[in-house]
Amino acid sequence: MRSDPEAPRPPLPDDDGGLVAAARAGSRDAAERLATATYERLWASCLRMTGDPDRAADLVQETYRKAWQALPAFRGDAQFSTWLFRIAFTTHLKIVRRPRRVLPIEPAQEATAPDPGPDPETTAAERERAGRLRRAVSALPDDLRYAVSAHYWGEVPVRDIALEAGITPVAVRKRMAKALRVLAAVLQENRR
């Protein structure tokens, strides 16, 4: 029995759990609604993690690809957006830890290559500050790094981080406080 494409579809649920269930059942509309609801925050989080819009876009795409593949395994212990951030975070770590191959650029090619970015003088200080912060966060131990980046870069609520990590919200706050103390010390030392 074929379904009529013109037949009215049942309304989609408004909550994440209902949308996830509908997406698991094959509803493309539910999957699109989940993606639409989470895209901006996920992209902003990935941009903060990578510091580069192109790499952030690639990370977002890879995150959604992995999420749709793993959707049947999503237990719903945390919000869908928290789960997505965790996927983005672990994917980013794998990319950062992967050895990179560096190819030299010919001097003539380097001199004539157009620079599509904004004026370097206006953004150099901001990039340096953001780079120092990103390097300092990257140097934190995994548990501290995840708590700080999930909460501040991913805007994931403390209770969701606690649920996902299997610890109490108080433990998450303690991790964040410890991480912020370490970051403050490292950034102060780097200023000198």
Protein backbone atom coordinates (compact mmCIF):
# COMPACT_ATOMS: atom_id res chain seq x y z
CA MET A 1 0.00 0.00 0.00
CA ARG A 2 1.47 3.31 -1.09
CA SER A 3 0.98 6.51 0.81
CA ASP A 4 -0.59 9.38 -1.09
CA PRO A 5 1.88 12.30 -1.37
CA GLU A 6 -1.07 14.70 -1.27
CA ALA A 7 -2.54 13.16 1.88
CA PRO A 8 -2.21 15.35 4.96
CA ARG A 9 0.66 14.33 7.21
CA PRO A 10 0.19 14.02 10.94
CA PRO A 11 1.53 17.05 12.80
CA LEU A 12 5.06 16.82 14.13
CA PRO A 13 5.64 16.98 17.87
CA ASP A 14 7.08 20.16 19.36
CA ASP A 15 9.53 18.57 21.79
CA ASP A 16 13.01 17.20 21.04
CA GLY A 17 12.09 13.70 22.17
CA GLY A 18 9.12 13.54 19.85
CA LEU A 19 11.08 14.96 16.94
CA VAL A 20 13.91 12.48 17.53
CA ALA A 21 11.41 9.61 17.61
CA ALA A 22 9.81 10.85 14.39
CA ALA A 23 13.22 11.25 12.73
CA ARG A 24 14.15 7.70 13.79
CA ALA A 25 10.92 6.52 12.18
CA GLY A 26 12.04 8.12 8.92
CA SER A 27 10.40 11.55 9.04
CA ARG A 28 12.51 13.89 6.95
CA ASP A 29 10.46 16.84 8.22
CA ALA A 30 11.35 15.97 11.83
CA ALA A 31 15.04 15.67 10.95
CA GLU A 32 14.93 19.03 9.17
CA ARG A 33 13.21 20.64 12.13
CA LEU A 34 15.87 19.24 14.50
CA ALA A 35 18.63 20.54 12.24
CA THR A 36 16.99 23.94 11.90
CA ALA A 37 16.54 24.24 15.66
CA THR A 38 20.16 23.38 16.43
CA TYR A 39 22.14 24.70 13.46
CA GLU A 40 22.97 28.25 14.59
CA ARG A 41 24.18 27.27 18.06
CA LEU A 42 26.12 24.31 16.71
CA TRP A 43 27.80 26.44 14.05
CA ALA A 44 28.69 29.16 16.59
CA SER A 45 30.14 26.51 18.92
CA CYS A 46 32.17 24.95 16.12
CA LEU A 47 33.44 28.38 15.08
CA ARG A 48 34.62 29.05 18.62
CA MET A 49 36.34 25.66 18.75
CA THR A 50 38.08 25.96 15.39
CA GLY A 51 38.55 29.70 14.98
CA ASP A 52 37.93 29.37 11.23
CA PRO A 53 34.54 29.64 9.45
CA ASP A 54 35.46 27.08 6.79
CA ARG A 55 36.65 24.51 9.32
CA ALA A 56 33.59 25.24 11.47
CA ALA A 57 31.31 24.57 8.50
CA ASP A 58 33.11 21.28 7.82
CA LEU A 59 32.82 20.33 11.48
CA VAL A 60 29.10 21.10 11.51
CA GLN A 61 28.56 18.99 8.40
CA GLU A 62 30.54 16.10 9.87
CA THR A 63 28.66 16.42 13.17
CA TYR A 64 25.26 16.16 11.50
CA ARG A 65 26.46 13.25 9.35
CA LYS A 66 27.59 11.36 12.44
CA ALA A 67 24.44 12.32 14.36
CA TRP A 68 22.07 11.01 11.70
CA GLN A 69 24.04 7.76 11.53
CA ALA A 70 23.98 7.39 15.32
CA LEU A 71 20.41 8.61 15.84
CA PRO A 72 19.09 5.11 16.66
CA ALA A 73 21.59 4.96 19.56
CA PHE A 74 20.57 8.34 21.02
CA ARG A 75 19.16 7.50 24.46
CA GLY A 76 17.68 10.90 25.20
CA ASP A 77 19.45 11.27 28.57
CA ALA A 78 20.45 14.80 27.57
CA GLN A 79 18.95 17.30 25.15
CA PHE A 80 19.48 16.63 21.45
CA SER A 81 21.57 19.83 21.17
CA THR A 82 23.84 18.65 24.01
CA TRP A 83 24.33 15.33 22.26
CA LEU A 84 25.19 17.17 19.03
CA PHE A 85 27.72 19.34 20.84
CA ARG A 86 29.39 16.23 22.30
CA ILE A 87 29.67 14.75 18.80
CA ALA A 88 31.15 18.03 17.51
CA PHE A 89 33.55 18.23 20.43
CA THR A 90 34.90 14.68 20.04
CA THR A 91 35.11 15.06 16.25
CA HIS A 92 37.06 18.29 16.67
CA LEU A 93 39.46 16.60 19.11
CA LYS A 94 40.09 13.79 16.64
CA ILE A 95 40.81 16.30 13.88
CA VAL A 96 43.12 18.40 16.06
CA ARG A 97 45.05 15.36 17.25
CA ARG A 98 45.48 13.99 13.72
CA PRO A 99 48.91 14.63 12.22
CA ARG A 100 48.84 17.23 9.46
CA ARG A 101 50.77 17.30 6.26
CA VAL A 102 52.16 20.74 5.48
CA LEU A 103 53.01 21.65 1.91
CA PRO A 104 55.24 24.63 1.21
CA ILE A 105 53.91 27.41 -1.02
CA GLU A 106 56.09 28.78 -3.77
CA PRO A 107 57.19 32.36 -2.95
CA ALA A 108 55.87 33.69 -6.28
CA GLN A 109 52.49 32.07 -5.67
CA GLU A 110 52.37 33.39 -2.10
CA ALA A 111 53.10 36.96 -3.23
CA THR A 112 50.27 36.98 -5.80
CA ALA A 113 47.67 35.01 -3.83
CA PRO A 114 44.62 37.16 -3.04
CA ASP A 115 43.71 37.66 0.59
CA PRO A 116 39.92 37.24 0.90
CA GLY A 117 39.92 38.08 4.61
CA PRO A 118 39.34 41.38 6.34
CA ASP A 119 42.09 43.93 6.90
CA PRO A 120 44.77 42.19 8.99
CA GLU A 121 45.48 45.25 11.12
CA THR A 122 41.92 45.44 12.39
CA THR A 123 41.62 41.76 13.26
CA ALA A 124 45.15 40.78 14.34
CA ALA A 125 44.69 41.60 18.03
CA GLU A 126 41.33 39.81 18.23
CA ARG A 127 42.67 36.74 16.46
CA GLU A 128 45.69 36.61 18.73
CA ARG A 129 43.51 36.87 21.83
CA ALA A 130 41.10 34.23 20.55
CA GLY A 131 44.02 32.01 19.54
CA ARG A 132 45.61 32.29 22.98
CA LEU A 133 42.32 31.37 24.60
CA ARG A 134 41.73 28.46 22.21
CA ARG A 135 45.26 27.11 22.83
CA ALA A 136 44.83 27.47 26.59
CA VAL A 137 41.48 25.65 26.51
CA SER A 138 42.98 22.94 24.28
CA ALA A 139 45.77 22.39 26.82
CA LEU A 140 43.30 21.67 29.65
CA PRO A 141 42.70 18.04 30.70
CA ASP A 142 39.78 16.45 28.80
CA ASP A 143 37.24 16.65 31.63
CA LEU A 144 37.92 20.33 32.31
CA ARG A 145 38.12 21.19 28.61
CA TYR A 146 34.78 19.55 27.87
CA ALA A 147 32.99 21.26 30.77
CA VAL A 148 34.27 24.72 29.79
CA SER A 149 33.86 24.41 26.04
CA ALA A 150 30.42 22.79 26.28
CA HIS A 151 29.08 25.44 28.64
CA TYR A 152 30.73 28.59 27.29
CA TRP A 153 31.19 27.78 23.62
CA GLY A 154 28.34 25.33 23.16
CA GLU A 155 25.92 27.07 25.55
CA VAL A 156 25.05 23.67 27.01
CA PRO A 157 23.35 23.97 30.42
CA VAL A 158 25.27 22.64 33.43
CA ARG A 159 22.60 20.04 34.19
CA ASP A 160 22.90 18.61 30.65
CA ILE A 161 26.68 18.44 30.91
CA ALA A 162 26.26 16.62 34.22
CA LEU A 163 23.77 14.14 32.74
CA GLU A 164 25.97 13.48 29.73
CA ALA A 165 29.12 13.08 31.85
CA GLY A 166 27.39 11.02 34.55
CA ILE A 167 28.28 13.44 37.36
CA THR A 168 26.43 15.98 39.50
CA PRO A 169 25.87 19.61 38.47
CA VAL A 170 28.01 20.62 41.47
CA ALA A 171 30.90 18.54 40.09
CA VAL A 172 30.50 20.24 36.71
CA ARG A 173 30.61 23.68 38.35
CA LYS A 174 33.73 22.65 40.28
CA ARG A 175 35.36 21.52 37.03
CA MET A 176 34.48 24.80 35.36
CA ALA A 177 35.79 26.83 38.31
CA LYS A 178 39.06 24.88 38.31
CA ALA A 179 39.38 25.28 34.53
CA LEU A 180 38.74 29.03 34.74
CA ARG A 181 41.43 29.40 37.42
CA VAL A 182 43.90 27.48 35.25
CA LEU A 183 42.96 29.50 32.17
CA ALA A 184 43.31 32.80 34.02
CA ALA A 185 46.78 31.83 35.23
CA VAL A 186 47.90 30.63 31.79
CA LEU A 187 46.55 33.70 29.99
CA GLN A 188 48.08 36.04 32.58
CA GLU A 189 51.44 34.27 32.18
CA ASN A 190 51.21 34.49 28.38
CA ARG A 191 50.66 38.25 28.59
CA ARG A 192 54.06 38.80 30.15
